[in-house]
Amino acid sequence: MKKFEIPEKYKSSIIARIKGARKAEDPRKKNFEPTELDFGPVRFYIARHFGFCYGVENAIEIAYKTIDENPGKRIFLLSEMIHNPGVNEDLLSRGVQFLMDTEGNHIIEWGELTNDDVVIIPAFGTTLEIEVKLNELGIDPYKYNTTCPFVEKVWNRASSLGESEHTIIIHGKHYHEETRATFSHSKEYAASVIVRDIEETKLLGKIILGEFPKEDFYKVFAGKHSDGFDVGKDLQKVGVVNQTTMLASETQEIADEVRRIMVAKYGEENIKEHFADTRDTLCYATNDNQNATYGLLQKEADLAIVVGGYNSSNTSHLVELLEEKFATYFISSADKIISENEISHFDIHTKSETTTHNFLPATDKATIVLTSGASCPDSVVDEVLNKLLSYFESVKRMEEVFQLFE
């Protein structure tokens, strides 16, 4: 796999050593057992896979090269390049400006741009409408394009479905930048509709089977379907793609439910004419990180720490999985660990930050699960690990622990 040039500040000493050792012993990624680091009074189970993925490193390399190669020019990002506050803040500190927020609301209007400005497309990709607008302004939308190749793979899958006259069902969050971009591309190829979860999929199924009036479709999926969507003819032949950072198990459940619905309407013998088995369109990193999280769930621990941006979809899904078993704290940086008695963390259900006291167990030996999202620098995980270690007395030296590990 390609090696990317990313700033030194995002690299780590501890995590890089762990990842290097694991890759050497398991180059084909068949072992999803976590790494155990035993420091004496505290033990860590560190996920087999986490942190910067191919698409994120690609985006970071392009963004920083763009800054270096365009001195004196105004440089804009359509919106957050990736969902990591530290990375985005560093880009802002280097003079980059955001044109929009993550929901697509303008911070800077199109009319303020000139054809001499540089615009970077974020890793999530962008809509065809925005590409057209940039071209109209004389700005090449492809010159500084950091769109993840795995997002583009979904667009290609949608194109194939359109060519075979399938309607495209997109599993994703309709407000997310990536899903907005995928929807924009897919509706050029075919009738398209976005479903958020299995509940919305079941509602769609009732409409397909005639158990709900067709008119309900336009209420339930308002703002989530392509223009001119015809319930009578556009739900006879379908295929499923997804936002690349969704839960794999949820996407599979949705695809299975859609297939069941089509079998119920058209019969198993005719299913190939009405349902495209597209498989899973998640990216490799999402799959690896989620499988590694299932590996963590096989262990016993006192708590779990997940590090990443609070608006990161892939990170929130790791939290969702881990909190089924552990007291789980979702933090954006080591600074959120205020003291050994206090941690400020994000609640994915209320969408707000909260504070928990006495989060570390009062035991002779604490066990902590540790992982991060695909847009989180390993250096931040290093900082979290070191800060947690600072609250325990008589911990083993890092080199001593690594000797046992390696």
Protein backbone atom coordinates (compact mmCIF):
# COMPACT_ATOMS: atom_id res chain seq x y z
CA MET A 1 0.00 0.00 0.00
CA LYS A 2 1.18 3.52 -0.82
CA LYS A 3 3.19 5.41 1.79
CA PHE A 4 1.97 8.94 2.39
CA GLU A 5 3.84 12.03 3.53
CA ILE A 6 2.02 13.37 6.57
CA PRO A 7 3.24 15.95 9.12
CA GLU A 8 5.43 14.61 11.90
CA LYS A 9 3.00 15.97 14.50
CA TYR A 10 0.49 13.27 13.53
CA LYS A 11 2.96 10.40 13.90
CA SER A 12 3.49 8.44 17.11
CA SER A 13 6.25 6.58 18.87
CA ILE A 14 4.19 4.14 20.95
CA ILE A 15 1.32 3.27 18.60
CA ALA A 16 3.60 3.09 15.54
CA ARG A 17 5.70 0.49 17.32
CA ILE A 18 2.62 -1.57 18.21
CA LYS A 19 1.22 -1.40 14.68
CA GLY A 20 4.58 -2.31 13.18
CA ALA A 21 4.92 -5.40 15.36
CA ARG A 22 1.34 -6.52 14.66
CA LYS A 23 1.70 -6.02 10.92
CA ALA A 24 4.92 -8.08 10.89
CA GLU A 25 3.26 -11.01 12.66
CA ASP A 26 -0.08 -10.76 10.84
CA PRO A 27 0.43 -9.17 7.38
CA ARG A 28 -2.85 -10.54 6.00
CA LYS A 29 -4.95 -9.13 8.85
CA LYS A 30 -6.46 -12.42 9.95
CA ASN A 31 -5.97 -11.88 13.68
CA PHE A 32 -8.33 -9.36 15.29
CA GLU A 33 -7.15 -10.00 18.85
CA PRO A 34 -6.23 -6.75 20.59
CA THR A 35 -2.70 -5.96 21.71
CA GLU A 36 -2.18 -6.35 25.46
CA LEU A 37 0.19 -3.93 27.19
CA ASP A 38 0.64 -4.74 30.88
CA PHE A 39 2.12 -1.88 32.91
CA GLY A 40 1.57 -3.56 36.29
CA PRO A 41 -1.18 -1.58 38.07
CA VAL A 42 -2.91 -0.95 34.73
CA ARG A 43 -3.32 -3.05 31.62
CA PHE A 44 -4.42 -1.84 28.19
CA TYR A 45 -6.15 -3.76 25.45
CA ILE A 46 -5.43 -1.82 22.28
CA ALA A 47 -7.48 -2.56 19.16
CA ARG A 48 -5.78 -4.45 16.34
CA HIS A 49 -6.82 -1.79 13.82
CA PHE A 50 -7.59 1.91 14.31
CA GLY A 51 -6.40 5.36 13.35
CA PHE A 52 -5.59 7.00 10.01
CA CYS A 53 -6.82 5.03 7.01
CA TYR A 54 -5.69 5.24 3.38
CA GLY A 55 -8.29 7.87 2.47
CA VAL A 56 -7.44 10.11 5.43
CA GLU A 57 -3.68 9.96 4.87
CA ASN A 58 -4.25 10.66 1.17
CA ALA A 59 -6.38 13.71 2.03
CA ILE A 60 -3.85 15.04 4.56
CA GLU A 61 -0.95 14.64 2.14
CA ILE A 62 -2.80 16.49 -0.64
CA ALA A 63 -4.01 19.28 1.67
CA TYR A 64 -0.59 20.07 3.12
CA LYS A 65 1.10 19.86 -0.29
CA THR A 66 -1.54 22.24 -1.63
CA ILE A 67 -0.64 24.77 1.08
CA ASP A 68 3.09 24.44 0.35
CA GLU A 69 2.64 24.74 -3.42
CA ASN A 70 0.39 27.81 -3.35
CA PRO A 71 2.12 30.52 -1.28
CA GLY A 72 0.23 33.80 -1.30
CA LYS A 73 -2.97 32.29 -2.66
CA ARG A 74 -6.26 32.03 -0.82
CA ILE A 75 -6.95 28.38 -0.05
CA PHE A 76 -10.41 27.08 0.83
CA LEU A 77 -11.81 23.74 1.94
CA LEU A 78 -15.40 23.03 0.96
CA SER A 79 -15.95 21.91 4.57
CA GLU A 80 -14.02 19.94 7.17
CA MET A 81 -11.52 17.82 5.28
CA ILE A 82 -11.95 14.97 7.75
CA HIS A 83 -13.87 14.77 11.01
CA ASN A 84 -10.98 15.46 13.35
CA PRO A 85 -10.82 18.78 15.25
CA GLY A 86 -7.04 18.81 15.64
CA VAL A 87 -6.34 18.36 11.94
CA ASN A 88 -8.93 20.92 10.90
CA GLU A 89 -7.69 23.46 13.47
CA ASP A 90 -4.14 23.06 12.19
CA LEU A 91 -5.27 23.69 8.60
CA LEU A 92 -7.14 26.81 9.75
CA SER A 93 -4.01 28.01 11.56
CA ARG A 94 -2.16 27.75 8.26
CA GLY A 95 -4.61 30.11 6.58
CA VAL A 96 -7.04 27.64 5.05
CA GLN A 97 -10.69 28.76 5.22
CA PHE A 98 -13.87 26.68 5.21
CA LEU A 99 -16.51 27.58 2.64
CA MET A 100 -19.26 25.61 4.42
CA ASP A 101 -20.02 23.89 7.69
CA THR A 102 -20.53 20.14 7.84
CA GLU A 103 -24.26 20.49 7.05
CA GLY A 104 -23.60 22.40 3.84
CA ASN A 105 -24.46 25.89 5.13
CA HIS A 106 -22.28 28.61 3.62
CA ILE A 107 -19.71 30.37 5.78
CA ILE A 108 -18.31 32.14 2.72
CA GLU A 109 -20.58 32.77 -0.27
CA TRP A 110 -19.67 31.66 -3.79
CA GLY A 111 -19.61 35.28 -4.95
CA GLU A 112 -16.57 35.98 -2.77
CA LEU A 113 -14.41 33.50 -4.71
CA THR A 114 -12.28 34.26 -7.77
CA ASN A 115 -10.76 31.98 -10.37
CA ASP A 116 -7.37 32.55 -8.74
CA ASP A 117 -8.49 30.88 -5.52
CA VAL A 118 -7.68 27.28 -4.58
CA VAL A 119 -10.51 25.01 -3.42
CA ILE A 120 -9.79 21.61 -1.85
CA ILE A 121 -12.46 18.89 -2.10
CA PRO A 122 -12.64 17.00 1.26
CA ALA A 123 -12.21 13.26 1.72
CA PHE A 124 -15.99 12.77 1.76
CA GLY A 125 -16.23 14.01 -1.84
CA THR A 126 -18.77 16.55 -2.98
CA THR A 127 -21.94 16.89 -4.98
CA LEU A 128 -22.16 17.25 -8.74
CA GLU A 129 -23.98 20.55 -8.18
CA ILE A 130 -20.96 21.98 -6.33
CA GLU A 131 -18.60 20.68 -9.01
CA VAL A 132 -20.66 22.56 -11.61
CA LYS A 133 -20.60 25.73 -9.49
CA LEU A 134 -16.82 25.61 -9.10
CA ASN A 135 -16.41 25.16 -12.86
CA GLU A 136 -18.65 28.18 -13.45
CA LEU A 137 -16.32 30.20 -11.20
CA GLY A 138 -13.32 29.07 -13.21
CA ILE A 139 -12.03 26.82 -10.41
CA ASP A 140 -11.03 23.26 -11.32
CA PRO A 141 -12.78 21.00 -8.76
CA TYR A 142 -10.48 18.09 -9.57
CA LYS A 143 -7.09 19.79 -9.21
CA TYR A 144 -7.03 19.53 -5.41
CA ASN A 145 -9.43 16.66 -4.90
CA THR A 146 -8.94 14.54 -1.76
CA THR A 147 -12.05 12.37 -2.25
CA CYS A 148 -11.42 8.94 -0.76
CA PRO A 149 -11.06 6.22 -3.43
CA PHE A 150 -13.44 4.03 -1.44
CA VAL A 151 -16.13 6.70 -1.64
CA GLU A 152 -15.59 6.85 -5.39
CA LYS A 153 -15.95 3.07 -5.45
CA VAL A 154 -19.47 3.47 -4.04
CA TRP A 155 -20.27 5.99 -6.76
CA ASN A 156 -19.06 3.51 -9.37
CA ARG A 157 -21.25 0.80 -7.84
CA ALA A 158 -24.22 3.16 -8.00
CA SER A 159 -23.43 3.84 -11.64
CA SER A 160 -23.43 0.11 -12.40
CA LEU A 161 -26.79 -0.28 -10.68
CA GLY A 162 -28.18 2.57 -12.74
CA GLU A 163 -26.96 1.01 -15.97
CA SER A 164 -28.90 -2.15 -15.10
CA GLU A 165 -32.01 -0.04 -14.35
CA HIS A 166 -31.98 -0.60 -10.58
CA THR A 167 -33.21 1.99 -8.13
CA ILE A 168 -30.48 2.78 -5.62
CA ILE A 169 -31.14 2.49 -1.88
CA ILE A 170 -28.40 4.30 0.06
CA HIS A 171 -27.81 3.31 3.69
CA GLY A 172 -26.51 6.46 5.32
CA LYS A 173 -27.14 9.63 7.28
CA HIS A 174 -28.81 11.99 4.82
CA TYR A 175 -27.18 15.05 6.43
CA HIS A 176 -23.63 13.63 6.29
CA GLU A 177 -21.29 15.14 3.66
CA GLU A 178 -20.44 11.75 2.19
CA THR A 179 -24.06 10.64 1.86
CA ARG A 180 -25.02 13.99 0.31
CA ALA A 181 -22.23 13.49 -2.24
CA THR A 182 -23.17 9.87 -2.94
CA PHE A 183 -26.84 10.79 -3.33
CA SER A 184 -25.93 13.57 -5.76
CA HIS A 185 -24.00 11.13 -7.94
CA SER A 186 -26.44 8.20 -7.66
CA LYS A 187 -29.50 10.23 -8.67
CA GLU A 188 -27.73 11.03 -11.93
CA TYR A 189 -27.66 7.33 -12.69
CA ALA A 190 -31.01 6.17 -11.33
CA ALA A 191 -33.91 6.86 -8.97
CA SER A 192 -32.41 6.99 -5.46
CA VAL A 193 -33.59 6.99 -1.86
CA ILE A 194 -31.70 7.23 1.46
CA VAL A 195 -32.56 5.01 4.43
CA ARG A 196 -31.03 5.75 7.83
CA ASP A 197 -31.62 2.43 9.59
CA ILE A 198 -33.56 -0.83 9.68
CA GLU A 199 -36.72 0.93 10.92
CA GLU A 200 -36.83 3.19 7.86
CA THR A 201 -36.09 0.17 5.68
CA LYS A 202 -39.06 -1.70 7.13
CA LEU A 203 -41.28 1.32 6.46
CA LEU A 204 -40.04 1.33 2.87
CA GLY A 205 -40.88 -2.37 2.74
CA LYS A 206 -44.47 -1.77 3.84
CA ILE A 207 -44.83 0.77 1.04
CA ILE A 208 -43.37 -1.68 -1.52
CA LEU A 209 -45.73 -4.42 -0.33
CA GLY A 210 -48.74 -2.12 -0.41
CA GLU A 211 -49.26 -2.25 3.35
CA PHE A 212 -48.89 1.54 3.55
CA PRO A 213 -50.27 4.05 1.03
CA LYS A 214 -47.81 5.12 -1.67
CA GLU A 215 -48.28 8.72 -0.55
CA ASP A 216 -46.59 7.86 2.78
CA PHE A 217 -43.32 7.44 0.90
CA TYR A 218 -43.14 11.15 0.15
CA LYS A 219 -43.77 12.02 3.81
CA VAL A 220 -41.37 9.53 5.37
CA PHE A 221 -38.60 10.14 2.84
CA ALA A 222 -39.05 13.85 2.26
CA GLY A 223 -35.70 15.31 1.24
CA LYS A 224 -34.25 11.81 0.94
CA HIS A 225 -35.36 10.77 -2.56
CA SER A 226 -34.48 11.89 -6.07
CA ASP A 227 -36.72 14.28 -7.97
CA GLY A 228 -39.57 12.63 -9.86
CA PHE A 229 -39.36 9.44 -7.80
CA ASP A 230 -42.28 7.23 -8.84
CA VAL A 231 -43.22 4.78 -6.11
CA GLY A 232 -45.28 2.75 -8.59
CA LYS A 233 -42.36 1.89 -10.86
CA ASP A 234 -39.14 2.86 -9.07
CA LEU A 235 -39.33 0.22 -6.32
CA GLN A 236 -39.61 -2.84 -8.52
CA LYS A 237 -35.89 -3.40 -9.03
CA VAL A 238 -33.44 -2.27 -6.33
CA GLY A 239 -29.87 -2.48 -5.04
CA VAL A 240 -28.22 -1.27 -1.82
CA VAL A 241 -25.05 0.81 -1.36
CA ASN A 242 -23.91 2.66 1.75
CA GLN A 243 -22.04 5.49 3.35
CA THR A 244 -18.63 3.90 3.79
CA THR A 245 -18.49 4.51 7.55
CA MET A 246 -21.73 2.86 8.64
CA LEU A 247 -21.95 -0.25 10.82
CA ALA A 248 -21.32 -3.30 8.63
CA SER A 249 -23.83 -5.39 10.57
CA GLU A 250 -26.51 -2.73 10.10
CA THR A 251 -25.91 -2.47 6.34
CA GLN A 252 -26.11 -6.25 6.06
CA GLU A 253 -29.33 -6.28 8.05
CA ILE A 254 -30.80 -3.64 5.74
CA ALA A 255 -29.73 -5.51 2.58
CA ASP A 256 -31.21 -8.75 3.97
CA GLU A 257 -34.47 -6.95 4.81
CA VAL A 258 -34.71 -5.43 1.34
CA ARG A 259 -34.14 -8.86 -0.20
CA ARG A 260 -36.82 -10.38 2.05
CA ILE A 261 -39.26 -7.69 0.97
CA MET A 262 -38.60 -8.32 -2.72
CA VAL A 263 -38.94 -12.08 -2.24
CA ALA A 264 -42.27 -11.51 -0.48
CA LYS A 265 -43.51 -9.46 -3.43
CA TYR A 266 -42.02 -11.27 -6.40
CA GLY A 267 -41.04 -14.76 -5.16
CA GLU A 268 -37.65 -16.36 -4.59
CA GLU A 269 -37.59 -17.69 -8.14
CA ASN A 270 -37.67 -14.13 -9.51
CA ILE A 271 -35.42 -12.43 -6.98
CA LYS A 272 -32.48 -11.86 -9.35
CA GLU A 273 -34.72 -9.72 -11.53
CA HIS A 274 -35.68 -7.47 -8.63
CA PHE A 275 -32.75 -7.34 -6.20
CA ALA A 276 -29.07 -6.75 -6.93
CA ASP A 277 -26.76 -8.48 -4.45
CA THR A 278 -24.27 -5.62 -4.26
CA ARG A 279 -22.53 -6.93 -1.16
CA ASP A 280 -21.12 -4.45 1.30
CA THR A 281 -19.70 -1.14 0.04
CA LEU A 282 -17.96 -0.22 3.31
CA CYS A 283 -14.30 0.73 3.00
CA TYR A 284 -11.61 -1.68 4.17
CA ALA A 285 -10.69 0.49 7.17
CA THR A 286 -14.26 0.61 8.46
CA ASN A 287 -14.45 -3.17 8.20
CA ASP A 288 -11.05 -3.66 9.86
CA ASN A 289 -11.79 -1.21 12.68
CA GLN A 290 -15.19 -2.72 13.40
CA ASN A 291 -13.82 -6.27 13.35
CA ALA A 292 -11.05 -5.16 15.70
CA THR A 293 -13.72 -3.71 18.00
CA TYR A 294 -15.48 -7.06 18.11
CA GLY A 295 -12.09 -8.44 19.16
CA LEU A 296 -12.02 -5.98 22.06
CA LEU A 297 -15.50 -7.10 23.09
CA GLN A 298 -14.12 -10.61 23.69
CA LYS A 299 -12.07 -9.23 26.60
CA GLU A 300 -13.00 -8.20 30.13
CA ALA A 301 -12.20 -4.62 31.07
CA ASP A 302 -13.19 -1.87 33.49
CA LEU A 303 -13.77 0.78 30.85
CA ALA A 304 -13.18 1.73 27.23
CA ILE A 305 -11.73 4.93 25.80
CA VAL A 306 -12.50 5.86 22.18
CA VAL A 307 -10.62 8.81 20.67
CA GLY A 308 -11.82 10.85 17.71
CA GLY A 309 -13.86 13.74 16.40
CA TYR A 310 -17.34 13.96 17.87
CA ASN A 311 -18.90 14.33 14.40
CA SER A 312 -17.02 11.32 13.05
CA SER A 313 -19.49 8.68 11.90
CA ASN A 314 -17.04 5.76 11.91
CA THR A 315 -15.85 6.66 15.43
CA SER A 316 -19.37 6.93 16.83
CA HIS A 317 -20.09 3.42 15.57
CA LEU A 318 -17.08 2.08 17.52
CA VAL A 319 -18.53 3.76 20.62
CA GLU A 320 -21.92 2.23 19.85
CA LEU A 321 -20.40 -1.26 19.76
CA LEU A 322 -18.21 -0.91 22.86
CA GLU A 323 -20.83 0.63 25.11
CA GLU A 324 -22.88 -2.56 24.83
CA LYS A 325 -20.36 -4.12 27.23
CA PHE A 326 -18.13 -1.44 28.78
CA ALA A 327 -18.45 1.96 30.40
CA THR A 328 -17.29 3.83 27.31
CA TYR A 329 -15.83 7.35 27.14
CA PHE A 330 -15.68 9.08 23.75
CA ILE A 331 -13.05 11.85 23.86
CA SER A 332 -11.48 14.08 21.22
CA SER A 333 -8.08 14.48 22.89
CA ALA A 334 -6.07 13.81 26.05
CA ASP A 335 -7.15 17.24 27.33
CA LYS A 336 -10.62 15.80 27.94
CA ILE A 337 -9.12 13.68 30.73
CA ILE A 338 -9.20 16.44 33.31
CA SER A 339 -7.81 14.44 36.22
CA GLU A 340 -7.72 10.91 37.55
CA ASN A 341 -11.18 11.61 38.96
CA GLU A 342 -12.79 13.48 36.09
CA ILE A 343 -13.29 13.00 32.35
CA SER A 344 -15.24 15.14 29.87
CA HIS A 345 -16.67 12.99 27.10
CA PHE A 346 -19.24 13.00 24.31
CA ASP A 347 -22.59 11.23 24.62
CA ILE A 348 -23.59 9.95 21.16
CA HIS A 349 -27.23 9.68 22.22
CA THR A 350 -27.76 13.22 23.51
CA LYS A 351 -25.16 14.68 21.11
CA SER A 352 -23.61 16.65 23.95
CA GLU A 353 -20.50 16.62 26.12
CA THR A 354 -20.87 15.45 29.69
CA THR A 355 -18.58 14.98 32.68
CA THR A 356 -18.10 11.78 34.65
CA HIS A 357 -16.35 11.58 38.01
CA ASN A 358 -14.40 8.61 39.37
CA PHE A 359 -14.19 7.02 35.92
CA LEU A 360 -11.04 5.07 36.81
CA PRO A 361 -11.73 1.98 38.94
CA ALA A 362 -10.50 1.74 42.52
CA THR A 363 -8.83 -1.64 42.02
CA ASP A 364 -5.33 -3.05 42.39
CA LYS A 365 -5.25 -3.70 38.64
CA ALA A 366 -7.25 -1.62 36.18
CA THR A 367 -7.95 -2.80 32.64
CA ILE A 368 -8.65 -0.25 29.92
CA VAL A 369 -9.75 -0.80 26.32
CA LEU A 370 -8.33 1.79 23.91
CA THR A 371 -9.10 2.55 20.25
CA SER A 372 -9.70 5.48 17.91
CA GLY A 373 -11.52 6.43 14.74
CA ALA A 374 -10.12 6.43 11.20
CA SER A 375 -9.53 10.20 11.22
CA CYS A 376 -7.68 10.32 14.54
CA PRO A 377 -3.86 10.76 14.50
CA ASP A 378 -1.92 8.05 16.34
CA SER A 379 -0.03 10.81 18.14
CA VAL A 380 -3.28 11.74 19.93
CA VAL A 381 -3.73 8.13 21.07
CA ASP A 382 -0.15 8.23 22.39
CA GLU A 383 -1.06 11.30 24.44
CA VAL A 384 -4.18 9.63 25.84
CA LEU A 385 -2.24 6.50 26.78
CA ASN A 386 0.50 8.49 28.51
CA LYS A 387 -1.98 10.65 30.41
CA LEU A 388 -3.85 7.61 31.71
CA LEU A 389 -0.55 6.02 32.76
CA SER A 390 0.33 9.14 34.76
CA TYR A 391 -2.52 8.39 37.20
CA PHE A 392 -1.06 5.06 38.29
CA GLU A 393 1.90 4.56 40.60
CA SER A 394 4.88 2.28 39.99
CA VAL A 395 4.03 1.52 36.37
CA LYS A 396 6.54 -0.46 34.35
CA ARG A 397 8.75 1.45 31.95
CA MET A 398 7.58 1.51 28.34
CA GLU A 399 10.69 -0.34 27.15
CA GLU A 400 10.14 -3.11 29.68
CA VAL A 401 6.54 -3.56 28.53
CA PHE A 402 7.57 -3.61 24.89
CA GLN A 403 10.22 -6.26 25.53
CA LEU A 404 7.49 -8.57 26.78
CA PHE A 405 5.17 -7.60 23.93
CA GLU A 406 7.67 -7.94 21.09
